[in-house]
């Protein structure tokens, strides 16, 4: 065994010295051999690539003792609760919820630090504000003119695009099973709810409710997308949302 090992070492040293002498004497030939070797390696890698992936997919990695002790449900809840700390999430961040919570925090701080002369109706009382008021009793012709020029005209393109056209197109894309066949045959992009119906709804809603003290309302495409994203598929979700708004 010792003689065999010694012979192997001598052969290796002899081969290495021969290769070194040959490389020193013929650099051009060695460059050609290197190019051929690289090409051969690339061909081999391309041939073995699918086989390597198939072999790797069959490997079962046993979970460690530390990870097996934690519950998968707890990990899922923790990931959802701390999704705001993940800069590259698999699903988009619920930015609307973040903004709502930040607004609640600012409102709580503002009310907690408000003084009696701050202008807020303190202390807060449940159902302390009137439900219906006459919001147009003190409106002057100058106010009507300013509201039309500074509010209505700038808002009209936005309301038309976001509250009418976008809503109809989004509903057409999200609910293909609810499309009206006659409108589909006419190649309409508002086959679920028509632009005329949404326009009349927005107009009546504001003409009837704003004089009674309501805020201006519309059917925003963002609201439809958000409600659909959180699982709403029927009118019950809108009724529940309306009940919460009436309560607030």
Protein backbone atom coordinates (compact mmCIF):
# COMPACT_ATOMS: atom_id res chain seq x y z
CA UNK A 1 0.00 0.00 0.00
CA UNK A 2 2.88 2.39 0.82
CA UNK A 3 4.58 1.62 -2.51
CA UNK A 4 1.31 2.18 -4.38
CA UNK A 5 0.73 5.52 -2.64
CA UNK A 6 4.28 6.63 -3.32
CA UNK A 7 3.91 5.67 -6.97
CA UNK A 8 0.68 7.65 -7.24
CA UNK A 9 2.34 10.73 -5.75
CA UNK A 10 5.29 10.41 -8.14
CA UNK A 11 2.95 10.10 -11.12
CA UNK A 12 1.02 13.15 -10.01
CA UNK A 13 4.17 15.21 -9.56
CA UNK A 14 5.52 14.05 -12.91
CA UNK A 15 2.26 14.92 -14.64
CA UNK A 16 2.17 18.34 -13.00
CA UNK A 17 5.75 19.12 -13.98
CA UNK A 18 5.12 17.97 -17.54
CA UNK A 19 2.04 20.13 -17.77
CA UNK A 20 3.98 23.11 -16.39
CA UNK A 21 6.77 22.66 -18.93
CA UNK A 22 4.31 22.25 -21.74
CA UNK A 23 2.37 25.36 -20.69
CA UNK A 24 5.54 27.43 -20.56
CA UNK A 25 6.62 26.24 -23.98
CA UNK A 26 3.28 26.60 -25.76
CA UNK A 27 0.95 29.29 -24.40
CA UNK A 28 -1.04 29.43 -27.63
CA UNK A 29 -1.85 25.74 -27.51
CA UNK A 30 -2.89 26.02 -23.87
CA UNK A 31 -5.25 28.88 -24.74
CA UNK A 32 -6.89 26.72 -27.35
CA UNK A 33 -7.25 23.89 -24.87
CA UNK A 34 -8.78 26.22 -22.31
CA UNK A 35 -11.34 27.43 -24.83
CA UNK A 36 -12.20 23.87 -25.74
CA UNK A 37 -12.49 22.96 -22.05
CA UNK A 38 -14.79 25.89 -21.36
CA UNK A 39 -16.98 24.97 -24.29
CA UNK A 40 -17.09 21.38 -23.09
CA UNK A 41 -18.08 22.53 -19.57
CA UNK A 42 -20.91 24.67 -20.94
CA UNK A 43 -22.23 21.77 -23.02
CA UNK A 44 -22.07 19.49 -20.00
CA UNK A 45 -23.88 22.02 -17.79
CA UNK A 46 -26.63 22.49 -20.37
CA UNK A 47 -27.06 18.71 -20.59
CA UNK A 48 -27.16 18.10 -16.84
CA UNK A 49 -29.29 21.14 -15.92
CA UNK A 50 -32.73 19.43 -16.19
CA UNK A 51 -31.46 16.32 -14.45
CA UNK A 52 -30.05 18.41 -11.60
CA UNK A 53 -33.34 20.20 -11.06
CA UNK A 54 -35.25 16.92 -11.06
CA UNK A 55 -32.83 15.40 -8.56
CA UNK A 56 -32.98 18.45 -6.28
CA UNK A 57 -36.79 18.47 -6.28
CA UNK A 58 -36.84 14.94 -4.86
CA UNK A 59 -34.73 15.86 -1.85
CA UNK A 60 -36.72 16.10 1.38
CA UNK A 61 -35.25 18.57 3.85
CA UNK A 62 -36.14 17.66 7.39
CA UNK A 63 -37.33 20.58 9.50
CA UNK A 64 -35.16 21.62 12.37
CA UNK A 65 -36.22 21.17 15.96
CA UNK A 66 -36.58 24.92 16.50
CA UNK A 67 -38.99 25.42 13.57
CA UNK A 68 -41.03 22.31 14.34
CA UNK A 69 -41.87 23.61 17.79
CA UNK A 70 -43.78 26.64 16.47
CA UNK A 71 -47.31 26.35 15.11
CA UNK A 72 -47.83 27.09 11.37
CA UNK A 73 -51.02 28.99 12.22
CA UNK A 74 -49.13 31.22 14.63
CA UNK A 75 -46.48 31.89 11.98
CA UNK A 76 -49.15 32.83 9.46
CA UNK A 77 -50.83 35.22 11.92
CA UNK A 78 -47.46 36.73 12.80
CA UNK A 79 -46.63 37.29 9.14
CA UNK A 80 -49.96 39.03 8.53
CA UNK A 81 -49.66 41.14 11.65
CA UNK A 82 -46.11 42.22 10.81
CA UNK A 83 -46.60 42.57 7.06
CA UNK A 84 -45.92 46.29 7.37
CA UNK A 85 -42.33 45.39 8.34
CA UNK A 86 -41.78 43.37 5.16
CA UNK A 87 -40.46 45.65 2.37
CA UNK A 88 -41.04 42.99 -0.31
CA UNK A 89 -44.32 41.21 0.55
CA UNK A 90 -45.84 38.46 -1.57
CA UNK A 91 -49.18 40.27 -1.50
CA UNK A 92 -49.70 44.05 -1.61
CA UNK A 93 -49.79 45.93 1.66
CA UNK A 94 -53.28 46.96 2.90
CA UNK A 95 -52.39 50.63 2.66
CA UNK A 96 -55.98 51.71 3.31
CA UNK A 97 -55.96 50.01 6.72
CA UNK A 98 -52.62 51.65 7.56
CA UNK A 99 -53.96 55.09 6.69
CA UNK A 100 -57.16 54.47 8.67
CA UNK A 101 -55.19 53.46 11.77
CA UNK A 102 -52.85 56.45 11.40
CA UNK A 103 -55.88 58.74 11.08
CA UNK A 104 -57.42 57.23 14.22
CA UNK A 105 -54.16 57.82 16.07
CA UNK A 106 -53.97 61.46 14.95
CA UNK A 107 -57.63 62.01 15.86
CA UNK A 108 -57.15 60.52 19.32
CA UNK A 109 -54.08 62.68 19.96
CA UNK A 110 -55.85 65.81 18.69
CA UNK A 111 -58.92 65.27 20.87
CA UNK A 112 -56.84 64.31 23.92
CA UNK A 113 -54.79 67.52 23.69
CA UNK A 114 -57.67 69.81 22.70
CA UNK A 115 -58.51 72.75 24.95
CA UNK A 116 -62.03 74.10 25.65
CA UNK A 117 -61.48 76.95 23.17
CA UNK A 118 -60.21 74.66 20.37
CA UNK A 119 -63.50 74.68 18.45
CA UNK A 120 -64.29 70.98 18.96
CA UNK A 121 -67.65 70.03 20.40
CA UNK A 122 -66.27 68.55 23.60
CA UNK A 123 -67.01 66.39 25.43
CA UNK A 124 -67.96 63.95 22.70
CA UNK A 125 -71.47 62.51 22.97
CA UNK A 126 -73.04 59.60 21.13
CA UNK A 127 -75.80 60.80 18.80
CA UNK A 128 -75.16 64.36 19.89
CA UNK A 129 -75.21 65.85 16.39
CA UNK A 130 -78.45 66.37 14.44
CA UNK A 131 -79.20 63.80 11.77
CA UNK A 132 -80.72 66.19 9.21
CA UNK A 133 -80.08 69.91 8.78
CA UNK A 134 -80.92 72.56 6.21
CA UNK A 135 -77.49 73.04 4.67
CA UNK A 136 -78.56 75.62 2.06
CA UNK A 137 -80.45 78.09 4.19
CA UNK A 138 -77.51 80.53 4.55
CA UNK A 139 -76.02 80.02 1.06
CA UNK A 140 -75.76 83.25 -0.93
CA UNK A 141 -75.62 83.67 -4.72
CA UNK A 142 -71.89 84.38 -4.35
CA UNK A 143 -71.46 81.05 -2.57
CA UNK A 144 -73.32 79.27 -5.39
CA UNK A 145 -71.06 80.96 -7.95
CA UNK A 146 -67.86 80.12 -6.08
CA UNK A 147 -68.97 76.54 -5.49
CA UNK A 148 -69.81 76.03 -9.15
CA UNK A 149 -66.56 77.52 -10.49
CA UNK A 150 -64.15 76.24 -7.82
CA UNK A 151 -65.81 72.96 -6.88
CA UNK A 152 -68.17 71.62 -9.53
CA UNK A 153 -66.18 72.28 -12.70
CA UNK A 154 -62.82 70.96 -11.39
CA UNK A 155 -64.52 67.90 -9.86
CA UNK A 156 -66.61 67.04 -12.92
CA UNK A 157 -63.85 65.31 -14.98
CA UNK A 158 -62.62 63.36 -11.96
CA UNK A 159 -66.12 62.22 -11.01
CA UNK A 160 -66.90 61.23 -14.60
CA UNK A 161 -63.75 59.15 -14.99
CA UNK A 162 -63.36 57.61 -11.54
CA UNK A 163 -66.98 57.36 -10.40
CA UNK A 164 -68.69 56.44 -13.67
CA UNK A 165 -66.43 55.15 -16.45
CA UNK A 166 -63.87 53.36 -14.24
CA UNK A 167 -66.54 51.81 -12.02
CA UNK A 168 -68.41 50.39 -15.01
CA UNK A 169 -65.24 49.00 -16.60
CA UNK A 170 -64.04 47.50 -13.31
CA UNK A 171 -67.39 45.84 -12.63
CA UNK A 172 -67.35 44.53 -16.21
CA UNK A 173 -63.93 42.93 -15.55
CA UNK A 174 -64.56 41.61 -12.02
CA UNK A 175 -68.02 40.09 -12.57
CA UNK A 176 -68.20 38.50 -16.02
CA UNK A 177 -71.01 36.18 -14.88
CA UNK A 178 -73.25 39.21 -14.24
CA UNK A 179 -72.90 40.76 -17.69
CA UNK A 180 -76.10 41.51 -19.58
CA UNK A 181 -76.06 39.39 -22.79
CA UNK A 182 -77.55 42.11 -24.98
CA UNK A 183 -74.84 44.57 -23.94
CA UNK A 184 -72.12 41.96 -24.43
CA UNK A 185 -73.31 41.42 -27.99
CA UNK A 186 -73.03 45.17 -28.55
CA UNK A 187 -69.37 45.01 -27.38
CA UNK A 188 -70.06 47.33 -24.44
CA UNK A 189 -67.56 47.63 -21.60
CA UNK A 190 -70.35 48.43 -19.11
CA UNK A 191 -72.37 45.25 -19.46
CA UNK A 192 -72.75 44.74 -15.69
CA UNK A 193 -73.91 48.24 -14.76
CA UNK A 194 -74.29 50.91 -17.42
CA UNK A 195 -72.74 54.34 -17.34
CA UNK A 196 -76.19 55.92 -17.49
CA UNK A 197 -77.32 54.06 -14.36
CA UNK A 198 -74.22 55.06 -12.40
CA UNK A 199 -74.48 58.70 -13.53
CA UNK A 200 -78.12 58.92 -12.46
CA UNK A 201 -77.28 57.27 -9.14
CA UNK A 202 -74.46 59.70 -8.35
CA UNK A 203 -76.53 62.70 -9.40
CA UNK A 204 -79.63 61.81 -7.38
CA UNK A 205 -77.55 60.86 -4.37
CA UNK A 206 -75.90 64.27 -4.20
CA UNK A 207 -78.90 66.37 -5.23
CA UNK A 208 -81.12 64.80 -2.57
CA UNK A 209 -78.69 64.32 0.33
CA UNK A 210 -76.27 67.26 0.17
CA UNK A 211 -78.97 69.90 0.90
CA UNK A 212 -79.81 67.88 4.03
CA UNK A 213 -76.26 68.07 5.39
CA UNK A 214 -74.67 65.04 3.75
CA UNK A 215 -71.14 64.96 2.41
CA UNK A 216 -70.81 64.59 -1.39
CA UNK A 217 -70.85 60.91 -2.40
CA UNK A 218 -69.84 58.91 -5.45
CA UNK A 219 -69.25 55.35 -6.61
CA UNK A 220 -65.44 55.25 -6.62
CA UNK A 221 -63.52 52.57 -8.48
CA UNK A 222 -61.11 52.35 -5.55
CA UNK A 223 -63.94 51.44 -3.19
CA UNK A 224 -65.18 48.73 -5.51
CA UNK A 225 -61.67 47.30 -5.94
CA UNK A 226 -61.02 47.37 -2.18
CA UNK A 227 -64.31 45.71 -1.26
CA UNK A 228 -63.78 43.03 -3.91
CA UNK A 229 -60.23 42.47 -2.67
CA UNK A 230 -61.49 41.85 0.87
CA UNK A 231 -64.06 39.31 -0.32
CA UNK A 232 -67.25 41.30 -0.97
CA UNK A 233 -69.39 39.77 -3.73
CA UNK A 234 -72.94 40.88 -2.93
CA UNK A 235 -74.87 43.92 -1.75
CA UNK A 236 -74.73 42.82 1.89
CA UNK A 237 -71.24 44.25 2.24
CA UNK A 238 -72.46 47.67 1.09
CA UNK A 239 -75.39 47.51 3.54
CA UNK A 240 -73.05 46.70 6.44
CA UNK A 241 -70.72 49.52 5.41
CA UNK A 242 -73.67 51.90 5.30
CA UNK A 243 -74.77 50.86 8.79
CA UNK A 244 -71.30 51.58 10.17
CA UNK A 245 -71.28 55.00 8.49
CA UNK A 246 -74.72 55.86 9.90
CA UNK A 247 -73.52 54.81 13.34
CA UNK A 248 -70.43 57.00 13.06
